[in-house]
């Protein structure tokens, strides 16, 4: 999750590249969390997404084969639009929080494999504008809950790890307004596979990921602007850091082996 660069694959209004980086979709996926904690361990992640979003996450394994995770994200983007010599400034915001619980196991091998399944729920509050190429912008306001299930695996190596994750996300809109008028979105499900890797063996690790978020239904609404804003296909690129405080401990205080 961390330094997350999001590019909408289909045109997202005028200035597609800039708006895609800034984010002009109501549903904005986070990079799926892939904690590699074991009993008694904590991981903390923090960074930027797309140069506009602050993200933070934490995970903890209170006992063998059980983990808890949490995440938060805040995006704030200032945009301008000029029409008939009149310039309008807008500020788009996207706020998210989420909690997850999961189970994991670690295989016994020279190169152990970490296998995990996580389920979670998140909440988002959205206030954005989608600028049309030859039309006025559309103003979207939304509140939604997202429910997700995720499977991932990682090969644990002495100098880092690498793996694959697949997440399915269901978006449940509590409120969805286009220019102040309630609308319905027909797409609610996104499939989100990605590859990830870490490098480093101390308390700090480097993190990198690449993946995609794909809607189950592209025709979310009759208007083209809504189609782009409400059912985006999004590429996910990210780099960042992971802090593992348990590696600051002395060897005699290290957690017991998994059982």
C-alpha atoms as a PDB file:
ATOM      1  CA  UNK A   1       0.000   0.000   0.000  1.00  0.00           C
ATOM      2  CA  UNK A   2       2.343   2.922   0.425  1.00  0.00           C
ATOM      3  CA  UNK A   3       3.478   5.001  -2.482  1.00  0.00           C
ATOM      4  CA  UNK A   4       0.520   4.042  -4.675  1.00  0.00           C
ATOM      5  CA  UNK A   5       0.339   5.383  -8.241  1.00  0.00           C
ATOM      6  CA  UNK A   6      -3.082   4.840  -9.770  1.00  0.00           C
ATOM      7  CA  UNK A   7      -3.756   5.158 -13.527  1.00  0.00           C
ATOM      8  CA  UNK A   8      -7.274   4.766 -14.895  1.00  0.00           C
ATOM      9  CA  UNK A   9      -7.082   2.591 -17.997  1.00  0.00           C
ATOM     10  CA  UNK A  10     -10.009   4.168 -19.823  1.00  0.00           C
ATOM     11  CA  UNK A  11     -10.354   7.905 -20.454  1.00  0.00           C
ATOM     12  CA  UNK A  12     -11.224   9.764 -17.260  1.00  0.00           C
ATOM     13  CA  UNK A  13     -12.371  13.055 -18.719  1.00  0.00           C
ATOM     14  CA  UNK A  14     -10.193  15.908 -19.955  1.00  0.00           C
ATOM     15  CA  UNK A  15      -6.506  15.667 -19.189  1.00  0.00           C
ATOM     16  CA  UNK A  16      -6.830  11.923 -18.734  1.00  0.00           C
ATOM     17  CA  UNK A  17      -3.304  11.321 -17.484  1.00  0.00           C
ATOM     18  CA  UNK A  18      -3.386  14.017 -14.806  1.00  0.00           C
ATOM     19  CA  UNK A  19      -6.891  13.231 -13.638  1.00  0.00           C
ATOM     20  CA  UNK A  20      -6.164   9.521 -13.554  1.00  0.00           C
ATOM     21  CA  UNK A  21      -3.207  10.112 -11.278  1.00  0.00           C
ATOM     22  CA  UNK A  22      -5.244  12.500  -9.157  1.00  0.00           C
ATOM     23  CA  UNK A  23      -8.194  10.143  -9.093  1.00  0.00           C
ATOM     24  CA  UNK A  24     -11.595  10.892 -10.653  1.00  0.00           C
ATOM     25  CA  UNK A  25     -13.411   7.684  -9.779  1.00  0.00           C
ATOM     26  CA  UNK A  26     -15.846   7.219  -6.934  1.00  0.00           C
ATOM     27  CA  UNK A  27     -14.375   3.846  -5.996  1.00  0.00           C
ATOM     28  CA  UNK A  28     -10.655   4.247  -5.408  1.00  0.00           C
ATOM     29  CA  UNK A  29      -8.896   0.948  -4.598  1.00  0.00           C
ATOM     30  CA  UNK A  30      -6.098   0.749  -2.087  1.00  0.00           C
ATOM     31  CA  UNK A  31      -3.152  -1.522  -2.768  1.00  0.00           C
ATOM     32  CA  UNK A  32      -4.169  -4.789  -1.040  1.00  0.00           C
ATOM     33  CA  UNK A  33      -2.403  -5.267   2.291  1.00  0.00           C
ATOM     34  CA  UNK A  34      -0.189  -8.351   2.447  1.00  0.00           C
ATOM     35  CA  UNK A  35       1.170  -8.578   6.010  1.00  0.00           C
ATOM     36  CA  UNK A  36       3.698 -11.314   6.740  1.00  0.00           C
ATOM     37  CA  UNK A  37       3.430 -11.278  10.537  1.00  0.00           C
ATOM     38  CA  UNK A  38       3.790 -14.344  12.746  1.00  0.00           C
ATOM     39  CA  UNK A  39       2.910 -14.872  16.403  1.00  0.00           C
ATOM     40  CA  UNK A  40       3.691 -11.818  18.529  1.00  0.00           C
ATOM     41  CA  UNK A  41       4.809  -9.699  15.573  1.00  0.00           C
ATOM     42  CA  UNK A  42       3.645  -6.281  14.361  1.00  0.00           C
ATOM     43  CA  UNK A  43       4.107  -4.576  10.993  1.00  0.00           C
ATOM     44  CA  UNK A  44       3.476  -0.899  10.246  1.00  0.00           C
ATOM     45  CA  UNK A  45       3.299   0.610   6.752  1.00  0.00           C
ATOM     46  CA  UNK A  46       3.157   4.267   5.777  1.00  0.00           C
ATOM     47  CA  UNK A  47       3.666   6.368   2.689  1.00  0.00           C
ATOM     48  CA  UNK A  48       2.137   8.228  -0.240  1.00  0.00           C
ATOM     49  CA  UNK A  49      -0.169   7.126  -3.038  1.00  0.00           C
ATOM     50  CA  UNK A  50      -0.034   9.013  -6.328  1.00  0.00           C
ATOM     51  CA  UNK A  51       1.698  11.986  -4.671  1.00  0.00           C
ATOM     52  CA  UNK A  52      -1.723  13.090  -3.393  1.00  0.00           C
ATOM     53  CA  UNK A  53      -2.754  10.479  -0.846  1.00  0.00           C
ATOM     54  CA  UNK A  54      -1.485   9.680   2.625  1.00  0.00           C
ATOM     55  CA  UNK A  55      -1.811   6.012   3.569  1.00  0.00           C
ATOM     56  CA  UNK A  56      -1.026   4.075   6.722  1.00  0.00           C
ATOM     57  CA  UNK A  57      -1.568   0.506   7.836  1.00  0.00           C
ATOM     58  CA  UNK A  58      -0.771  -1.867  10.651  1.00  0.00           C
ATOM     59  CA  UNK A  59      -1.074  -5.598  11.262  1.00  0.00           C
ATOM     60  CA  UNK A  60      -0.641  -7.827  14.322  1.00  0.00           C
ATOM     61  CA  UNK A  61      -0.616 -11.556  15.022  1.00  0.00           C
ATOM     62  CA  UNK A  62      -1.767 -12.131  18.630  1.00  0.00           C
ATOM     63  CA  UNK A  63      -1.298 -15.879  18.363  1.00  0.00           C
ATOM     64  CA  UNK A  64      -0.234 -18.490  15.841  1.00  0.00           C
ATOM     65  CA  UNK A  65      -2.205 -18.537  12.564  1.00  0.00           C
ATOM     66  CA  UNK A  66      -4.329 -15.431  13.381  1.00  0.00           C
ATOM     67  CA  UNK A  67      -3.780 -11.874  12.154  1.00  0.00           C
ATOM     68  CA  UNK A  68      -5.559  -8.530  12.349  1.00  0.00           C
ATOM     69  CA  UNK A  69      -4.999  -5.597  10.002  1.00  0.00           C
ATOM     70  CA  UNK A  70      -6.101  -1.997   9.651  1.00  0.00           C
ATOM     71  CA  UNK A  71      -5.601   0.735   7.077  1.00  0.00           C
ATOM     72  CA  UNK A  72      -6.450   4.368   6.427  1.00  0.00           C
ATOM     73  CA  UNK A  73      -6.102   6.630   3.380  1.00  0.00           C
ATOM     74  CA  UNK A  74      -6.690  10.315   2.738  1.00  0.00           C
ATOM     75  CA  UNK A  75      -6.594  11.923  -0.713  1.00  0.00           C
ATOM     76  CA  UNK A  76      -6.977  15.657  -1.294  1.00  0.00           C
ATOM     77  CA  UNK A  77      -6.580  17.058  -4.829  1.00  0.00           C
ATOM     78  CA  UNK A  78      -7.014  20.646  -6.021  1.00  0.00           C
ATOM     79  CA  UNK A  79      -8.204  21.081  -9.627  1.00  0.00           C
ATOM     80  CA  UNK A  80      -9.187  23.992 -11.873  1.00  0.00           C
ATOM     81  CA  UNK A  81     -11.516  24.226 -14.867  1.00  0.00           C
ATOM     82  CA  UNK A  82     -11.918  27.211 -17.203  1.00  0.00           C
ATOM     83  CA  UNK A  83     -15.131  27.809 -19.157  1.00  0.00           C
ATOM     84  CA  UNK A  84     -16.074  31.051 -20.936  1.00  0.00           C
ATOM     85  CA  UNK A  85     -13.029  32.756 -19.381  1.00  0.00           C
ATOM     86  CA  UNK A  86     -14.248  31.799 -15.909  1.00  0.00           C
ATOM     87  CA  UNK A  87     -11.924  29.617 -13.851  1.00  0.00           C
ATOM     88  CA  UNK A  88     -13.427  27.406 -11.176  1.00  0.00           C
ATOM     89  CA  UNK A  89     -11.314  25.768  -8.481  1.00  0.00           C
ATOM     90  CA  UNK A  90     -12.417  22.531  -6.844  1.00  0.00           C
ATOM     91  CA  UNK A  91     -10.975  20.339  -4.113  1.00  0.00           C
ATOM     92  CA  UNK A  92     -11.601  16.602  -4.424  1.00  0.00           C
ATOM     93  CA  UNK A  93     -11.360  14.413  -1.340  1.00  0.00           C
ATOM     94  CA  UNK A  94     -11.413  10.666  -0.787  1.00  0.00           C
ATOM     95  CA  UNK A  95     -11.178   9.274   2.746  1.00  0.00           C
ATOM     96  CA  UNK A  96     -11.021   5.586   3.646  1.00  0.00           C
ATOM     97  CA  UNK A  97     -10.580   3.341   6.677  1.00  0.00           C
ATOM     98  CA  UNK A  98     -10.657  -0.456   6.848  1.00  0.00           C
ATOM     99  CA  UNK A  99     -10.250  -3.412   9.196  1.00  0.00           C
ATOM    100  CA  UNK A 100      -9.479  -7.042   8.398  1.00  0.00           C
ATOM    101  CA  UNK A 101      -9.061 -10.377  10.145  1.00  0.00           C
ATOM    102  CA  UNK A 102      -7.372 -13.427   8.701  1.00  0.00           C
ATOM    103  CA  UNK A 103      -5.658 -16.764   9.098  1.00  0.00           C
ATOM    104  CA  UNK A 104      -2.216 -17.794   7.888  1.00  0.00           C
ATOM    105  CA  UNK A 105       0.229 -20.659   7.888  1.00  0.00           C
ATOM    106  CA  UNK A 106       3.920 -20.950   7.094  1.00  0.00           C
ATOM    107  CA  UNK A 107       5.246 -24.064   5.370  1.00  0.00           C
ATOM    108  CA  UNK A 108       8.290 -25.889   6.720  1.00  0.00           C
ATOM    109  CA  UNK A 109      10.864 -25.741   3.951  1.00  0.00           C
ATOM    110  CA  UNK A 110      14.304 -24.274   3.185  1.00  0.00           C
ATOM    111  CA  UNK A 111      12.415 -21.418   1.499  1.00  0.00           C
ATOM    112  CA  UNK A 112       9.199 -21.152   3.574  1.00  0.00           C
ATOM    113  CA  UNK A 113       5.966 -20.050   1.920  1.00  0.00           C
ATOM    114  CA  UNK A 114       3.525 -17.784   3.765  1.00  0.00           C
ATOM    115  CA  UNK A 115      -0.130 -18.557   2.930  1.00  0.00           C
ATOM    116  CA  UNK A 116      -2.944 -16.292   4.158  1.00  0.00           C
ATOM    117  CA  UNK A 117      -6.655 -15.574   3.769  1.00  0.00           C
ATOM    118  CA  UNK A 118      -8.122 -12.277   4.972  1.00  0.00           C
ATOM    119  CA  UNK A 119     -11.645 -10.859   5.089  1.00  0.00           C
ATOM    120  CA  UNK A 120     -12.431  -7.257   5.909  1.00  0.00           C
ATOM    121  CA  UNK A 121     -14.689  -4.252   5.758  1.00  0.00           C
ATOM    122  CA  UNK A 122     -13.960  -0.629   4.937  1.00  0.00           C
ATOM    123  CA  UNK A 123     -15.739   2.718   4.815  1.00  0.00           C
ATOM    124  CA  UNK A 124     -15.172   5.612   2.395  1.00  0.00           C
ATOM    125  CA  UNK A 125     -16.391   9.185   2.059  1.00  0.00           C
ATOM    126  CA  UNK A 126     -16.010  10.727  -1.422  1.00  0.00           C
ATOM    127  CA  UNK A 127     -16.417  14.209  -2.930  1.00  0.00           C
ATOM    128  CA  UNK A 128     -14.931  14.418  -6.452  1.00  0.00           C
ATOM    129  CA  UNK A 129     -15.383  15.913  -9.931  1.00  0.00           C
ATOM    130  CA  UNK A 130     -15.097  14.079 -13.246  1.00  0.00           C
ATOM    131  CA  UNK A 131     -14.165  16.463 -16.062  1.00  0.00           C
ATOM    132  CA  UNK A 132     -15.559  15.622 -19.497  1.00  0.00           C
ATOM    133  CA  UNK A 133     -13.400  16.187 -22.573  1.00  0.00           C
ATOM    134  CA  UNK A 134     -16.035  18.330 -24.332  1.00  0.00           C
ATOM    135  CA  UNK A 135     -18.540  18.755 -21.539  1.00  0.00           C
ATOM    136  CA  UNK A 136     -18.989  20.248 -18.115  1.00  0.00           C
ATOM    137  CA  UNK A 137     -17.722  18.375 -15.094  1.00  0.00           C
ATOM    138  CA  UNK A 138     -19.879  16.030 -13.059  1.00  0.00           C
ATOM    139  CA  UNK A 139     -19.824  16.336  -9.295  1.00  0.00           C
ATOM    140  CA  UNK A 140     -19.998  13.072  -7.352  1.00  0.00           C
ATOM    141  CA  UNK A 141     -20.635  12.671  -3.648  1.00  0.00           C
ATOM    142  CA  UNK A 142     -20.720   9.222  -2.129  1.00  0.00           C
ATOM    143  CA  UNK A 143     -20.439   7.175   1.000  1.00  0.00           C
ATOM    144  CA  UNK A 144     -19.855   3.480   0.682  1.00  0.00           C
ATOM    145  CA  UNK A 145     -18.817   0.396   2.543  1.00  0.00           C
ATOM    146  CA  UNK A 146     -16.563  -2.146   0.900  1.00  0.00           C
ATOM    147  CA  UNK A 147     -16.375  -5.806   1.809  1.00  0.00           C
ATOM    148  CA  UNK A 148     -13.446  -7.845   0.623  1.00  0.00           C
ATOM    149  CA  UNK A 149     -11.966 -11.315   0.657  1.00  0.00           C
ATOM    150  CA  UNK A 150      -8.311 -11.840  -0.154  1.00  0.00           C
ATOM    151  CA  UNK A 151      -5.933 -14.768  -0.689  1.00  0.00           C
ATOM    152  CA  UNK A 152      -2.182 -14.318  -0.940  1.00  0.00           C
ATOM    153  CA  UNK A 153       1.064 -16.225  -0.728  1.00  0.00           C
ATOM    154  CA  UNK A 154       4.687 -15.183  -0.445  1.00  0.00           C
ATOM    155  CA  UNK A 155       8.029 -16.942  -0.592  1.00  0.00           C
ATOM    156  CA  UNK A 156      10.115 -15.893   2.420  1.00  0.00           C
ATOM    157  CA  UNK A 157      13.793 -15.456   1.555  1.00  0.00           C
ATOM    158  CA  UNK A 158      16.692 -14.242   3.741  1.00  0.00           C
ATOM    159  CA  UNK A 159      16.852 -10.850   2.008  1.00  0.00           C
ATOM    160  CA  UNK A 160      13.134 -10.314   1.436  1.00  0.00           C
ATOM    161  CA  UNK A 161      10.037 -11.920  -0.025  1.00  0.00           C
ATOM    162  CA  UNK A 162       7.837 -11.940  -3.111  1.00  0.00           C
ATOM    163  CA  UNK A 163       4.350 -13.187  -3.823  1.00  0.00           C
ATOM    164  CA  UNK A 164       0.922 -13.005  -5.416  1.00  0.00           C
ATOM    165  CA  UNK A 165      -2.379 -11.697  -4.036  1.00  0.00           C
ATOM    166  CA  UNK A 166      -5.955 -11.824  -5.329  1.00  0.00           C
ATOM    167  CA  UNK A 167      -8.676  -9.697  -3.745  1.00  0.00           C
ATOM    168  CA  UNK A 168     -12.373  -9.494  -4.501  1.00  0.00           C
ATOM    169  CA  UNK A 169     -14.111  -6.288  -3.358  1.00  0.00           C
ATOM    170  CA  UNK A 170     -17.839  -5.607  -3.104  1.00  0.00           C
ATOM    171  CA  UNK A 171     -18.805  -1.914  -2.963  1.00  0.00           C
ATOM    172  CA  UNK A 172     -22.073  -1.129  -1.167  1.00  0.00           C
ATOM    173  CA  UNK A 173     -23.163   2.483  -1.710  1.00  0.00           C
ATOM    174  CA  UNK A 174     -24.958   4.094   1.215  1.00  0.00           C
ATOM    175  CA  UNK A 175     -25.216   7.349  -0.743  1.00  0.00           C
ATOM    176  CA  UNK A 176     -24.391   8.123  -4.388  1.00  0.00           C
ATOM    177  CA  UNK A 177     -25.116  11.536  -5.917  1.00  0.00           C
ATOM    178  CA  UNK A 178     -24.324  12.913  -9.377  1.00  0.00           C
ATOM    179  CA  UNK A 179     -24.673  16.705  -9.431  1.00  0.00           C
ATOM    180  CA  UNK A 180     -26.846  16.440  -6.329  1.00  0.00           C
ATOM    181  CA  UNK A 181     -29.220  13.836  -7.811  1.00  0.00           C
ATOM    182  CA  UNK A 182     -29.327  10.270  -6.409  1.00  0.00           C
ATOM    183  CA  UNK A 183     -28.263   7.673  -8.982  1.00  0.00           C
ATOM    184  CA  UNK A 184     -27.810   3.904  -9.060  1.00  0.00           C
ATOM    185  CA  UNK A 185     -24.568   2.120  -9.917  1.00  0.00           C
ATOM    186  CA  UNK A 186     -24.954  -1.291 -11.500  1.00  0.00           C
ATOM    187  CA  UNK A 187     -21.330  -2.297 -10.895  1.00  0.00           C
ATOM    188  CA  UNK A 188     -20.432  -3.267  -7.351  1.00  0.00           C
ATOM    189  CA  UNK A 189     -17.737  -5.949  -7.674  1.00  0.00           C
ATOM    190  CA  UNK A 190     -14.028  -5.570  -8.493  1.00  0.00           C
ATOM    191  CA  UNK A 191     -11.414  -8.283  -9.003  1.00  0.00           C
ATOM    192  CA  UNK A 192      -7.972  -7.093  -7.896  1.00  0.00           C
ATOM    193  CA  UNK A 193      -4.939  -9.363  -8.468  1.00  0.00           C
ATOM    194  CA  UNK A 194      -1.429  -8.064  -7.916  1.00  0.00           C
ATOM    195  CA  UNK A 195       2.219  -9.076  -7.500  1.00  0.00           C
ATOM    196  CA  UNK A 196       4.276  -7.772  -4.609  1.00  0.00           C
ATOM    197  CA  UNK A 197       7.799  -7.969  -3.260  1.00  0.00           C
ATOM    198  CA  UNK A 198       9.933  -6.805  -0.359  1.00  0.00           C
ATOM    199  CA  UNK A 199      13.646  -6.321   0.039  1.00  0.00           C
ATOM    200  CA  UNK A 200      15.677  -6.104   3.236  1.00  0.00           C
ATOM    201  CA  UNK A 201      16.107  -8.186   6.370  1.00  0.00           C
ATOM    202  CA  UNK A 202      16.132  -5.619   9.184  1.00  0.00           C
ATOM    203  CA  UNK A 203      13.360  -3.594  10.867  1.00  0.00           C
ATOM    204  CA  UNK A 204      12.832  -1.593   7.640  1.00  0.00           C
ATOM    205  CA  UNK A 205      12.008  -3.208   4.296  1.00  0.00           C
ATOM    206  CA  UNK A 206      11.420  -1.747   0.866  1.00  0.00           C
ATOM    207  CA  UNK A 207       8.093  -2.645  -0.745  1.00  0.00           C
ATOM    208  CA  UNK A 208       6.917  -2.748  -4.371  1.00  0.00           C
ATOM    209  CA  UNK A 209       3.707  -3.896  -6.031  1.00  0.00           C
ATOM    210  CA  UNK A 210       1.974  -3.974  -9.424  1.00  0.00           C
ATOM    211  CA  UNK A 211      -1.605  -5.007 -10.078  1.00  0.00           C
ATOM    212  CA  UNK A 212      -4.992  -4.136 -11.523  1.00  0.00           C
ATOM    213  CA  UNK A 213      -8.547  -3.450 -10.322  1.00  0.00           C
ATOM    214  CA  UNK A 214     -11.198  -4.643 -12.798  1.00  0.00           C
ATOM    215  CA  UNK A 215     -14.976  -4.004 -12.576  1.00  0.00           C
ATOM    216  CA  UNK A 216     -17.367  -6.884 -13.197  1.00  0.00           C
ATOM    217  CA  UNK A 217     -19.668  -4.561 -15.219  1.00  0.00           C
ATOM    218  CA  UNK A 218     -18.398  -1.669 -17.334  1.00  0.00           C
ATOM    219  CA  UNK A 219     -21.764  -0.006 -18.122  1.00  0.00           C
ATOM    220  CA  UNK A 220     -22.389   1.477 -14.716  1.00  0.00           C
ATOM    221  CA  UNK A 221     -24.709   4.245 -15.916  1.00  0.00           C
ATOM    222  CA  UNK A 222     -26.171   5.566 -19.191  1.00  0.00           C
ATOM    223  CA  UNK A 223     -23.874   8.620 -19.218  1.00  0.00           C
ATOM    224  CA  UNK A 224     -20.292   8.204 -20.356  1.00  0.00           C
ATOM    225  CA  UNK A 225     -19.005  10.326 -17.499  1.00  0.00           C
ATOM    226  CA  UNK A 226     -20.692   8.076 -14.945  1.00  0.00           C
ATOM    227  CA  UNK A 227     -19.320   5.037 -16.751  1.00  0.00           C
ATOM    228  CA  UNK A 228     -15.781   6.309 -16.197  1.00  0.00           C
ATOM    229  CA  UNK A 229     -16.329   7.538 -12.666  1.00  0.00           C
ATOM    230  CA  UNK A 230     -18.395   4.647 -11.321  1.00  0.00           C
ATOM    231  CA  UNK A 231     -16.828   1.607 -12.995  1.00  0.00           C
ATOM    232  CA  UNK A 232     -13.120   2.351 -13.451  1.00  0.00           C
ATOM    233  CA  UNK A 233     -10.493  -0.147 -14.564  1.00  0.00           C
ATOM    234  CA  UNK A 234      -7.387   0.857 -12.639  1.00  0.00           C
ATOM    235  CA  UNK A 235      -3.735  -0.116 -12.783  1.00  0.00           C
ATOM    236  CA  UNK A 236      -2.005  -0.131  -9.401  1.00  0.00           C
ATOM    237  CA  UNK A 237       1.686   0.601  -8.960  1.00  0.00           C
ATOM    238  CA  UNK A 238       3.241   1.147  -5.583  1.00  0.00           C
ATOM    239  CA  UNK A 239       6.493   1.375  -3.642  1.00  0.00           C
ATOM    240  CA  UNK A 240       7.057   2.117   0.007  1.00  0.00           C
ATOM    241  CA  UNK A 241       8.424   0.900   3.320  1.00  0.00           C
ATOM    242  CA  UNK A 242       7.416  -1.619   5.978  1.00  0.00           C
ATOM    243  CA  UNK A 243       8.509  -1.206   9.624  1.00  0.00           C
ATOM    244  CA  UNK A 244       8.865  -4.419  11.650  1.00  0.00           C
ATOM    245  CA  UNK A 245       9.547  -3.436  15.290  1.00  0.00           C
ATOM    246  CA  UNK A 246       9.921  -7.013  16.521  1.00  0.00           C
ATOM    247  CA  UNK A 247      13.323  -7.117  14.780  1.00  0.00           C
ATOM    248  CA  UNK A 248      14.554  -4.432  17.187  1.00  0.00           C
ATOM    249  CA  UNK A 249      14.324  -6.928  20.056  1.00  0.00           C
ATOM    250  CA  UNK A 250      17.200  -8.811  21.546  1.00  0.00           C
ATOM    251  CA  UNK A 251      17.389 -12.488  20.497  1.00  0.00           C
ATOM    252  CA  UNK A 252      16.353 -13.699  23.945  1.00  0.00           C
ATOM    253  CA  UNK A 253      13.080 -11.764  23.718  1.00  0.00           C
ATOM    254  CA  UNK A 254      12.141 -12.924  20.218  1.00  0.00           C
ATOM    255  CA  UNK A 255       8.684 -14.531  19.788  1.00  0.00           C
ATOM    256  CA  UNK A 256       8.368 -18.291  20.084  1.00  0.00           C
ATOM    257  CA  UNK A 257       8.257 -20.391  16.894  1.00  0.00           C
ATOM    258  CA  UNK A 258       4.879 -20.972  15.244  1.00  0.00           C
ATOM    259  CA  UNK A 259       2.992 -24.108  16.211  1.00  0.00           C
END
